C-alpha atoms as a PDB file:
ATOM      1  CA  MET A   1     -29.016 -96.058 -82.421  1.00  0.00           C
ATOM      2  CA  SER A   2     -32.804 -95.990 -82.465  1.00  0.00           C
ATOM      3  CA  LYS A   3     -34.684 -95.477 -79.205  1.00  0.00           C
ATOM      4  CA  ASN A   4     -37.186 -98.107 -80.333  1.00  0.00           C
ATOM      5  CA  PRO A   5     -36.137-101.728 -79.903  1.00  0.00           C
ATOM      6  CA  HIS A   6     -35.099-103.893 -82.823  1.00  0.00           C
ATOM      7  CA  VAL A   7     -35.374-107.123 -80.798  1.00  0.00           C
ATOM      8  CA  LEU A   8     -37.234-108.287 -77.688  1.00  0.00           C
ATOM      9  CA  ALA A   9     -36.306-110.906 -75.120  1.00  0.00           C
ATOM     10  CA  HIS A  10     -38.762-111.726 -72.375  1.00  0.00           C
ATOM     11  CA  GLU A  11     -36.566-112.927 -69.510  1.00  0.00           C
ATOM     12  CA  HIS A  12     -32.920-112.451 -68.546  1.00  0.00           C
ATOM     13  CA  GLU A  13     -32.426-116.208 -69.041  1.00  0.00           C
ATOM     14  CA  ASP A  14     -33.497-116.000 -72.708  1.00  0.00           C
ATOM     15  CA  ASN A  15     -30.687-116.733 -75.145  1.00  0.00           C
ATOM     16  CA  VAL A  16     -32.654-115.791 -78.270  1.00  0.00           C
ATOM     17  CA  ALA A  17     -34.656-112.630 -78.963  1.00  0.00           C
ATOM     18  CA  VAL A  18     -37.437-111.883 -81.456  1.00  0.00           C
ATOM     19  CA  VAL A  19     -36.918-109.356 -84.245  1.00  0.00           C
ATOM     20  CA  VAL A  20     -39.669-106.705 -84.063  1.00  0.00           C
ATOM     21  CA  VAL A  21     -38.734-104.518 -87.056  1.00  0.00           C
ATOM     22  CA  GLU A  22     -38.972-105.131 -90.799  1.00  0.00           C
ATOM     23  CA  ASP A  23     -35.816-106.333 -92.522  1.00  0.00           C
ATOM     24  CA  LEU A  24     -33.209-106.194 -89.758  1.00  0.00           C
ATOM     25  CA  ALA A  25     -29.962-105.996 -91.736  1.00  0.00           C
ATOM     26  CA  ALA A  26     -26.622-107.660 -91.104  1.00  0.00           C
ATOM     27  CA  GLY A  27     -24.201-105.226 -89.495  1.00  0.00           C
ATOM     28  CA  THR A  28     -26.884-103.397 -87.511  1.00  0.00           C
ATOM     29  CA  ILE A  29     -26.124-102.701 -83.866  1.00  0.00           C
ATOM     30  CA  ALA A  30     -29.577-103.690 -82.657  1.00  0.00           C
ATOM     31  CA  ARG A  31     -31.200-102.299 -79.528  1.00  0.00           C
ATOM     32  CA  GLY A  32     -32.764-105.021 -77.418  1.00  0.00           C
ATOM     33  CA  VAL A  33     -35.230-104.804 -74.573  1.00  0.00           C
ATOM     34  CA  ILE A  34     -35.859-107.453 -71.918  1.00  0.00           C
ATOM     35  CA  THR A  35     -39.565-107.081 -71.274  1.00  0.00           C
ATOM     36  CA  ALA A  36     -39.435-108.544 -67.748  1.00  0.00           C
ATOM     37  CA  ASP A  37     -37.936-105.287 -66.469  1.00  0.00           C
ATOM     38  CA  ASP A  38     -37.459-103.044 -69.537  1.00  0.00           C
ATOM     39  CA  SER A  39     -33.676-103.334 -69.299  1.00  0.00           C
ATOM     40  CA  THR A  40     -31.781-102.870 -72.548  1.00  0.00           C
ATOM     41  CA  PHE A  41     -28.885-104.479 -74.384  1.00  0.00           C
ATOM     42  CA  GLU A  42     -27.151-104.210 -77.746  1.00  0.00           C
ATOM     43  CA  ILE A  43     -26.224-106.936 -80.192  1.00  0.00           C
ATOM     44  CA  GLU A  44     -24.503-106.788 -83.566  1.00  0.00           C
ATOM     45  CA  VAL A  45     -26.653-108.600 -86.100  1.00  0.00           C
ATOM     46  CA  LYS A  46     -24.596-110.977 -88.291  1.00  0.00           C
ATOM     47  CA  ALA A  47     -27.270-111.862 -90.882  1.00  0.00           C
ATOM     48  CA  ASP A  48     -30.350-110.294 -92.435  1.00  0.00           C
ATOM     49  CA  ILE A  49     -33.253-111.395 -90.225  1.00  0.00           C
ATOM     50  CA  PRO A  50     -36.958-110.999 -91.071  1.00  0.00           C
ATOM     51  CA  ILE A  51     -39.475-109.670 -88.567  1.00  0.00           C
ATOM     52  CA  GLY A  52     -40.791-112.418 -86.274  1.00  0.00           C
ATOM     53  CA  HIS A  53     -37.673-114.560 -86.575  1.00  0.00           C
ATOM     54  CA  LYS A  54     -35.092-114.804 -83.791  1.00  0.00           C
ATOM     55  CA  VAL A  55     -31.533-113.606 -83.254  1.00  0.00           C
ATOM     56  CA  ALA A  56     -28.991-115.604 -81.243  1.00  0.00           C
ATOM     57  CA  LEU A  57     -27.864-113.770 -78.094  1.00  0.00           C
ATOM     58  CA  LYS A  58     -24.855-116.105 -77.699  1.00  0.00           C
ATOM     59  CA  ASP A  59     -22.917-118.636 -79.750  1.00  0.00           C
ATOM     60  CA  PHE A  60     -24.628-122.017 -80.121  1.00  0.00           C
ATOM     61  CA  VAL A  61     -23.450-125.433 -81.248  1.00  0.00           C
ATOM     62  CA  GLU A  62     -25.546-128.326 -82.474  1.00  0.00           C
ATOM     63  CA  GLY A  63     -27.476-129.821 -79.538  1.00  0.00           C
ATOM     64  CA  ASP A  64     -27.695-126.612 -77.477  1.00  0.00           C
ATOM     65  CA  THR A  65     -31.072-125.509 -76.122  1.00  0.00           C
ATOM     66  CA  ALA A  66     -32.824-122.275 -77.087  1.00  0.00           C
ATOM     67  CA  ILE A  67     -34.526-120.392 -74.248  1.00  0.00           C
ATOM     68  CA  LYS A  68     -37.362-117.941 -74.981  1.00  0.00           C
ATOM     69  CA  TYR A  69     -39.968-116.703 -72.457  1.00  0.00           C
ATOM     70  CA  GLY A  70     -37.656-118.316 -69.898  1.00  0.00           C
ATOM     71  CA  GLN A  71     -38.632-121.706 -71.378  1.00  0.00           C
ATOM     72  CA  ASP A  72     -36.941-124.380 -73.502  1.00  0.00           C
ATOM     73  CA  ILE A  73     -38.265-123.849 -77.049  1.00  0.00           C
ATOM     74  CA  GLY A  74     -36.074-126.314 -78.904  1.00  0.00           C
ATOM     75  CA  ARG A  75     -32.725-127.797 -79.859  1.00  0.00           C
ATOM     76  CA  PHE A  76     -30.218-126.352 -82.293  1.00  0.00           C
ATOM     77  CA  VAL A  77     -29.548-128.661 -85.237  1.00  0.00           C
ATOM     78  CA  ALA A  78     -26.717-126.450 -86.524  1.00  0.00           C
ATOM     79  CA  SER A  79     -24.225-124.027 -85.035  1.00  0.00           C
ATOM     80  CA  VAL A  80     -25.230-120.350 -84.897  1.00  0.00           C
ATOM     81  CA  GLU A  81     -22.979-117.453 -83.980  1.00  0.00           C
ATOM     82  CA  LYS A  82     -24.017-114.668 -81.631  1.00  0.00           C
ATOM     83  CA  GLY A  83     -26.062-112.242 -83.711  1.00  0.00           C
ATOM     84  CA  GLY A  84     -27.049-114.969 -86.173  1.00  0.00           C
ATOM     85  CA  HIS A  85     -30.454-115.823 -87.622  1.00  0.00           C
ATOM     86  CA  VAL A  86     -32.409-118.439 -85.642  1.00  0.00           C
ATOM     87  CA  HIS A  87     -35.402-120.103 -87.297  1.00  0.00           C
ATOM     88  CA  VAL A  88     -36.619-123.510 -88.524  1.00  0.00           C
ATOM     89  CA  HIS A  89     -33.452-124.062 -90.596  1.00  0.00           C
ATOM     90  CA  ASN A  90     -31.313-124.384 -87.443  1.00  0.00           C
ATOM     91  CA  LEU A  91     -33.753-124.860 -84.524  1.00  0.00           C
ATOM     92  CA  LYS A  92     -36.190-127.734 -84.053  1.00  0.00           C
ATOM     93  CA  THR A  93     -38.709-128.546 -81.359  1.00  0.00           C
ATOM     94  CA  LYS A  94     -37.853-131.358 -78.930  1.00  0.00           C
ATOM     95  CA  ARG A  95     -41.441-132.604 -79.049  1.00  0.00           C
ATOM     96  CA  TRP A  96     -40.877-134.814 -82.095  1.00  0.00           C
END
């Protein structure tokens, strides 16, 4: 596994992490870093995920809340498995 992170989470409470490498491929055992304390984790990526998009750190069902930066960033409008691709097709803001 690479020493450089594939994904970054900001807080231990985060349940999604941002992909920070080009073309993260399904089947990759991704190295994650929690920037709050530089702790690390691994997650098996279940879908191809572009840089800047998010990966699910747990299983979600419709209606669950995504946490990033330790903050509520939206509501899932579709189920996503741990390691799945999280973006506008399955996550919407709660603002409108």
